[in-house]
N, C-alpha and C. Protein backbone atom coordinates (compact mmCIF):
# COMPACT_ATOMS: atom_id res chain seq x y z
N MET A 1 127.64 -39.43 -54.76
CA MET A 1 128.96 -39.11 -55.44
C MET A 1 128.78 -37.99 -56.35
N SER A 2 129.70 -37.07 -56.23
CA SER A 2 129.57 -35.83 -56.99
C SER A 2 129.67 -36.02 -58.47
N ARG A 3 129.15 -35.12 -59.20
CA ARG A 3 129.26 -35.08 -60.68
C ARG A 3 130.75 -35.02 -61.12
N GLN A 4 131.55 -34.17 -60.45
CA GLN A 4 132.95 -34.12 -60.77
C GLN A 4 133.62 -35.49 -60.59
N ARG A 5 133.38 -36.10 -59.45
CA ARG A 5 134.00 -37.37 -59.15
C ARG A 5 133.69 -38.52 -60.22
N ARG A 6 132.37 -38.45 -60.56
CA ARG A 6 131.87 -39.41 -61.56
C ARG A 6 132.56 -39.19 -62.84
N ALA A 7 132.68 -37.91 -63.22
CA ALA A 7 133.44 -37.60 -64.47
C ALA A 7 134.86 -37.94 -64.45
N ALA A 8 135.51 -37.77 -63.26
CA ALA A 8 136.95 -38.13 -63.13
C ALA A 8 137.13 -39.66 -63.24
N ARG A 9 136.20 -40.36 -62.64
CA ARG A 9 136.30 -41.91 -62.74
C ARG A 9 136.07 -42.31 -64.16
N ALA A 10 135.15 -41.72 -64.88
CA ALA A 10 134.84 -42.13 -66.31
C ALA A 10 136.12 -41.78 -67.09
N ALA A 11 136.71 -40.65 -66.95
CA ALA A 11 137.84 -40.28 -67.67
C ALA A 11 139.03 -41.13 -67.41
N SER A 12 139.15 -41.52 -66.06
CA SER A 12 140.26 -42.45 -65.69
C SER A 12 140.03 -43.82 -66.36
N ALA A 13 138.80 -44.30 -66.47
CA ALA A 13 138.51 -45.59 -67.03
C ALA A 13 138.79 -45.64 -68.50
N ARG A 14 138.55 -44.50 -69.16
CA ARG A 14 138.87 -44.42 -70.51
C ARG A 14 140.39 -44.31 -70.85
N THR A 15 141.07 -43.58 -70.13
CA THR A 15 142.47 -43.28 -70.34
C THR A 15 143.46 -44.29 -69.62
N GLY A 16 142.92 -44.87 -68.61
CA GLY A 16 143.82 -45.76 -67.71
C GLY A 16 144.60 -44.97 -66.73
N ALA A 17 144.26 -43.70 -66.52
CA ALA A 17 144.93 -42.93 -65.45
C ALA A 17 144.50 -43.45 -64.09
N PRO A 18 145.51 -43.52 -63.17
CA PRO A 18 145.25 -44.00 -61.85
C PRO A 18 144.37 -43.05 -61.05
N LEU A 19 143.65 -43.56 -60.15
CA LEU A 19 142.73 -42.75 -59.22
C LEU A 19 143.26 -42.94 -57.78
N SER A 20 142.99 -41.88 -56.99
CA SER A 20 143.36 -42.05 -55.54
C SER A 20 142.22 -42.69 -54.91
N ALA A 21 142.32 -42.99 -53.64
CA ALA A 21 141.28 -43.74 -52.89
C ALA A 21 139.93 -42.83 -52.88
N THR A 22 140.04 -41.59 -53.10
CA THR A 22 138.88 -40.71 -53.08
C THR A 22 138.15 -40.64 -54.41
N GLY A 23 138.84 -41.29 -55.44
CA GLY A 23 138.30 -41.32 -56.74
C GLY A 23 138.77 -40.16 -57.70
N THR A 24 139.73 -39.29 -57.18
CA THR A 24 140.25 -38.32 -58.03
C THR A 24 141.50 -38.73 -58.79
N PRO A 25 141.71 -38.20 -59.99
CA PRO A 25 142.95 -38.66 -60.79
C PRO A 25 144.19 -38.26 -60.06
N LEU A 26 145.14 -39.17 -60.13
CA LEU A 26 146.43 -38.96 -59.53
C LEU A 26 147.32 -38.26 -60.56
N SER A 27 148.22 -37.43 -60.17
CA SER A 27 149.24 -36.89 -61.08
C SER A 27 150.52 -36.68 -60.24
N GLY A 28 151.55 -36.37 -61.00
CA GLY A 28 152.81 -36.01 -60.40
C GLY A 28 153.80 -37.15 -60.23
N PRO A 29 154.85 -36.96 -59.53
CA PRO A 29 155.88 -38.00 -59.36
C PRO A 29 155.27 -39.28 -58.75
N GLY A 30 155.72 -40.38 -59.37
CA GLY A 30 155.24 -41.68 -58.76
C GLY A 30 154.02 -42.22 -59.40
N THR A 31 153.39 -41.43 -60.28
CA THR A 31 152.14 -41.91 -60.87
C THR A 31 152.49 -42.36 -62.32
N HIS A 32 151.73 -43.23 -62.94
CA HIS A 32 152.04 -43.72 -64.23
C HIS A 32 150.84 -43.37 -65.10
N SER A 33 151.13 -42.65 -66.20
CA SER A 33 150.09 -42.40 -67.22
C SER A 33 150.14 -43.45 -68.25
N PRO A 34 149.10 -43.52 -69.09
CA PRO A 34 149.10 -44.52 -70.18
C PRO A 34 150.32 -44.33 -71.08
N SER A 35 150.81 -43.12 -71.20
CA SER A 35 151.96 -42.84 -72.11
C SER A 35 153.30 -43.07 -71.40
N ALA A 36 153.32 -43.50 -70.18
CA ALA A 36 154.56 -43.80 -69.50
C ALA A 36 155.29 -44.92 -70.19
N THR A 37 156.57 -44.89 -70.17
CA THR A 37 157.40 -45.95 -70.82
C THR A 37 157.32 -47.17 -70.02
N ALA A 38 157.69 -48.27 -70.76
CA ALA A 38 157.59 -49.62 -70.12
C ALA A 38 158.52 -49.69 -68.98
N ALA A 39 159.67 -48.98 -69.06
CA ALA A 39 160.63 -48.96 -67.95
C ALA A 39 160.07 -48.41 -66.70
N ALA A 40 159.18 -47.47 -66.79
CA ALA A 40 158.60 -46.89 -65.55
C ALA A 40 157.37 -47.73 -65.01
N THR A 41 156.94 -48.73 -65.77
CA THR A 41 155.77 -49.53 -65.37
C THR A 41 156.29 -50.61 -64.46
N PRO A 42 155.74 -50.64 -63.29
CA PRO A 42 156.26 -51.70 -62.34
C PRO A 42 156.02 -53.19 -62.93
N LYS A 43 156.90 -54.06 -62.53
CA LYS A 43 156.81 -55.54 -62.98
C LYS A 43 155.79 -56.16 -62.05
N PRO A 44 154.76 -56.79 -62.57
CA PRO A 44 153.73 -57.53 -61.68
C PRO A 44 154.41 -58.68 -61.04
N VAL A 45 153.94 -58.90 -59.80
CA VAL A 45 154.35 -60.07 -58.91
C VAL A 45 153.51 -61.27 -59.35
N LEU A 46 152.30 -61.06 -59.82
CA LEU A 46 151.28 -62.04 -60.25
C LEU A 46 150.51 -61.71 -61.49
N THR A 47 150.47 -62.64 -62.40
CA THR A 47 149.62 -62.34 -63.66
C THR A 47 148.45 -63.34 -63.64
N LEU A 48 147.30 -62.82 -63.91
CA LEU A 48 146.10 -63.52 -64.02
C LEU A 48 145.65 -63.59 -65.48
N ASP A 49 145.49 -64.78 -65.97
CA ASP A 49 145.06 -64.90 -67.45
C ASP A 49 143.50 -65.15 -67.48
N ALA A 50 142.87 -64.11 -67.77
CA ALA A 50 141.34 -64.16 -67.93
C ALA A 50 140.92 -63.98 -69.37
N LEU A 51 141.94 -64.24 -70.24
CA LEU A 51 141.54 -64.23 -71.67
C LEU A 51 140.58 -65.24 -72.02
N GLY A 52 139.53 -64.90 -72.85
CA GLY A 52 138.45 -65.78 -73.13
C GLY A 52 137.32 -65.99 -72.06
N LYS A 53 137.57 -65.29 -70.97
CA LYS A 53 136.50 -65.28 -69.94
C LYS A 53 135.66 -64.00 -69.99
N LYS A 54 134.44 -64.19 -69.71
CA LYS A 54 133.51 -63.02 -69.80
C LYS A 54 133.23 -62.40 -68.42
N CYS A 55 132.71 -61.25 -68.42
CA CYS A 55 132.41 -60.52 -67.18
C CYS A 55 131.40 -61.27 -66.37
N PRO A 56 131.58 -61.43 -65.17
CA PRO A 56 132.51 -60.75 -64.15
C PRO A 56 133.73 -61.61 -63.79
N ILE A 57 134.12 -62.61 -64.50
CA ILE A 57 135.15 -63.53 -64.15
C ILE A 57 136.50 -62.85 -63.94
N PRO A 58 136.93 -61.93 -64.82
CA PRO A 58 138.17 -61.22 -64.50
C PRO A 58 138.28 -60.50 -63.23
N ILE A 59 137.06 -59.88 -62.83
CA ILE A 59 137.00 -59.20 -61.46
C ILE A 59 137.04 -60.27 -60.35
N ILE A 60 136.38 -61.29 -60.54
CA ILE A 60 136.32 -62.34 -59.50
C ILE A 60 137.71 -62.96 -59.25
N MET A 61 138.41 -63.14 -60.33
CA MET A 61 139.74 -63.70 -60.32
C MET A 61 140.62 -62.69 -59.61
N LEU A 62 140.54 -61.44 -59.90
CA LEU A 62 141.39 -60.38 -59.19
C LEU A 62 140.97 -60.32 -57.76
N ALA A 63 139.77 -60.29 -57.41
CA ALA A 63 139.30 -60.24 -56.03
C ALA A 63 139.75 -61.44 -55.18
N ASP A 64 139.76 -62.62 -55.84
CA ASP A 64 140.22 -63.84 -55.08
C ASP A 64 141.68 -63.92 -54.87
N ARG A 65 142.51 -63.28 -55.70
CA ARG A 65 143.98 -63.46 -55.67
C ARG A 65 144.74 -62.31 -55.27
N ILE A 66 144.10 -61.14 -55.10
CA ILE A 66 144.87 -59.89 -54.80
C ILE A 66 145.56 -60.05 -53.44
N ARG A 67 145.00 -60.81 -52.51
CA ARG A 67 145.63 -60.94 -51.24
C ARG A 67 146.90 -61.71 -51.31
N GLU A 68 147.29 -62.44 -52.26
CA GLU A 68 148.50 -63.04 -52.54
C GLU A 68 149.64 -62.20 -52.81
N VAL A 69 149.37 -60.91 -53.24
CA VAL A 69 150.39 -59.95 -53.61
C VAL A 69 150.68 -59.03 -52.40
N PRO A 70 151.94 -58.78 -52.09
CA PRO A 70 152.25 -57.97 -50.92
C PRO A 70 151.73 -56.44 -51.27
N VAL A 71 151.37 -55.81 -50.16
CA VAL A 71 150.93 -54.48 -50.23
C VAL A 71 151.93 -53.59 -50.92
N GLY A 72 151.61 -52.79 -51.94
CA GLY A 72 152.45 -52.00 -52.63
C GLY A 72 153.02 -52.63 -53.91
N GLN A 73 152.78 -53.92 -54.11
CA GLN A 73 153.19 -54.65 -55.38
C GLN A 73 152.01 -54.67 -56.26
N THR A 74 152.28 -55.08 -57.51
CA THR A 74 151.31 -55.05 -58.58
C THR A 74 150.88 -56.48 -59.05
N ILE A 75 149.74 -56.48 -59.53
CA ILE A 75 149.10 -57.69 -60.15
C ILE A 75 148.66 -57.33 -61.58
N GLU A 76 148.89 -58.21 -62.51
CA GLU A 76 148.50 -57.98 -63.89
C GLU A 76 147.34 -58.83 -64.23
N VAL A 77 146.28 -58.28 -64.83
CA VAL A 77 145.11 -59.05 -65.29
C VAL A 77 145.12 -58.94 -66.76
N LEU A 78 145.11 -60.20 -67.51
CA LEU A 78 145.00 -60.24 -68.90
C LEU A 78 143.49 -60.52 -69.23
N ALA A 79 142.90 -59.69 -70.07
CA ALA A 79 141.46 -59.89 -70.34
C ALA A 79 141.18 -59.47 -71.75
N ASP A 80 140.12 -60.07 -72.46
CA ASP A 80 139.72 -59.61 -73.72
C ASP A 80 138.30 -59.33 -73.83
N ASP A 81 137.55 -59.41 -72.63
CA ASP A 81 136.17 -58.97 -72.60
C ASP A 81 136.04 -57.45 -72.62
N PRO A 82 135.45 -56.74 -73.48
CA PRO A 82 135.39 -55.27 -73.50
C PRO A 82 134.91 -54.67 -72.15
N ALA A 83 134.12 -55.35 -71.41
CA ALA A 83 133.54 -54.88 -70.11
C ALA A 83 134.71 -54.66 -69.14
N ALA A 84 135.73 -55.43 -69.30
CA ALA A 84 136.86 -55.36 -68.35
C ALA A 84 137.50 -53.89 -68.41
N LYS A 85 137.49 -53.22 -69.42
CA LYS A 85 138.07 -51.90 -69.59
C LYS A 85 137.45 -50.95 -68.66
N THR A 86 136.19 -51.07 -68.33
CA THR A 86 135.49 -50.23 -67.42
C THR A 86 135.32 -50.89 -65.98
N ASP A 87 135.17 -52.20 -66.02
CA ASP A 87 134.97 -52.89 -64.74
C ASP A 87 136.20 -52.89 -63.80
N LEU A 88 137.39 -53.11 -64.38
CA LEU A 88 138.62 -53.14 -63.55
C LEU A 88 138.90 -51.84 -62.90
N PRO A 89 138.88 -50.67 -63.60
CA PRO A 89 139.08 -49.35 -62.87
C PRO A 89 138.00 -49.11 -61.87
N ALA A 90 136.73 -49.49 -62.26
CA ALA A 90 135.65 -49.27 -61.28
C ALA A 90 135.79 -50.10 -59.97
N TRP A 91 136.28 -51.33 -60.18
CA TRP A 91 136.43 -52.25 -59.08
C TRP A 91 137.55 -51.64 -58.13
N CYS A 92 138.64 -51.25 -58.79
CA CYS A 92 139.81 -50.67 -58.02
C CYS A 92 139.35 -49.40 -57.18
N ALA A 93 138.54 -48.48 -57.83
CA ALA A 93 138.06 -47.37 -57.11
C ALA A 93 137.16 -47.79 -55.93
N LEU A 94 136.38 -48.77 -56.20
CA LEU A 94 135.35 -49.23 -55.18
C LEU A 94 136.10 -49.85 -54.00
N LYS A 95 137.11 -50.64 -54.24
CA LYS A 95 137.95 -51.25 -53.27
C LYS A 95 139.19 -50.60 -52.76
N SER A 96 139.37 -49.37 -53.19
CA SER A 96 140.55 -48.61 -52.70
C SER A 96 141.82 -49.20 -53.12
N GLN A 97 141.92 -49.79 -54.36
CA GLN A 97 143.14 -50.34 -54.91
C GLN A 97 143.49 -49.41 -55.96
N GLU A 98 144.82 -49.32 -56.35
CA GLU A 98 145.29 -48.38 -57.33
C GLU A 98 145.31 -49.08 -58.68
N PHE A 99 144.55 -48.50 -59.66
CA PHE A 99 144.53 -48.87 -61.08
C PHE A 99 145.70 -48.14 -61.65
N VAL A 100 146.71 -48.91 -62.10
CA VAL A 100 147.96 -48.31 -62.58
C VAL A 100 147.83 -47.99 -64.05
N ARG A 101 147.40 -48.94 -64.91
CA ARG A 101 147.36 -48.73 -66.34
C ARG A 101 146.65 -49.84 -66.99
N ALA A 102 146.26 -49.48 -68.24
CA ALA A 102 145.77 -50.54 -69.19
C ALA A 102 146.52 -50.39 -70.47
N ALA A 103 146.94 -51.54 -70.98
CA ALA A 103 147.73 -51.58 -72.27
C ALA A 103 147.05 -52.54 -73.23
N ASP A 104 147.07 -52.11 -74.44
CA ASP A 104 146.62 -52.93 -75.56
C ASP A 104 147.49 -54.14 -75.79
N LEU A 105 146.92 -55.26 -76.00
CA LEU A 105 147.64 -56.46 -76.38
C LEU A 105 147.17 -56.91 -77.79
N PRO A 106 147.82 -57.70 -78.53
CA PRO A 106 147.33 -58.16 -79.84
C PRO A 106 145.86 -58.67 -79.80
N VAL A 107 145.60 -59.32 -78.64
CA VAL A 107 144.22 -59.76 -78.35
C VAL A 107 143.89 -59.43 -76.90
N GLY A 108 143.06 -58.44 -76.78
CA GLY A 108 142.67 -57.89 -75.34
C GLY A 108 143.57 -56.89 -74.79
N TRP A 109 143.61 -56.90 -73.48
CA TRP A 109 144.34 -55.81 -72.72
C TRP A 109 145.02 -56.44 -71.60
N SER A 110 146.09 -55.73 -71.18
CA SER A 110 146.75 -56.00 -69.88
C SER A 110 146.41 -54.86 -68.84
N PHE A 111 145.95 -55.23 -67.79
CA PHE A 111 145.59 -54.22 -66.71
C PHE A 111 146.48 -54.41 -65.56
N LEU A 112 147.06 -53.32 -65.01
CA LEU A 112 147.97 -53.48 -63.86
C LEU A 112 147.32 -52.76 -62.70
N VAL A 113 147.33 -53.48 -61.60
CA VAL A 113 146.65 -53.01 -60.31
C VAL A 113 147.70 -53.08 -59.15
N ARG A 114 147.83 -51.98 -58.44
CA ARG A 114 148.79 -52.05 -57.31
C ARG A 114 147.97 -52.25 -56.03
N ARG A 115 148.34 -53.19 -55.24
CA ARG A 115 147.63 -53.49 -53.96
C ARG A 115 147.84 -52.36 -52.94
N SER A 116 146.85 -51.67 -52.48
CA SER A 116 146.97 -50.61 -51.58
C SER A 116 146.91 -50.96 -50.06
N TYR A 117 146.28 -52.01 -49.74
CA TYR A 117 146.02 -52.46 -48.37
C TYR A 117 146.10 -53.97 -48.27
């Protein structure tokens, strides 16, 4: 993997910016940045509550249940393990799924993933 691609993935993991299947940041119409309004954020079809669960459980829950969501729809993962902030975007890039955003919650974060295939 190129140095540029690794840097793009690291930046995406920090900011919550979505990545393409090749690992490059997405931009332009139809993409959602962390500053996008709630109205622009797609409503999840399924929400997984991984609050209180440690790594790698949030990833395992996502991997086990993503097939229940139709292609093009989103799944929300709620997690409070700090490792999830880097693990979820990395898993999405590895599995060619779209990491849409990460949002802060009073306790933990809400991660939104769009099923690509």
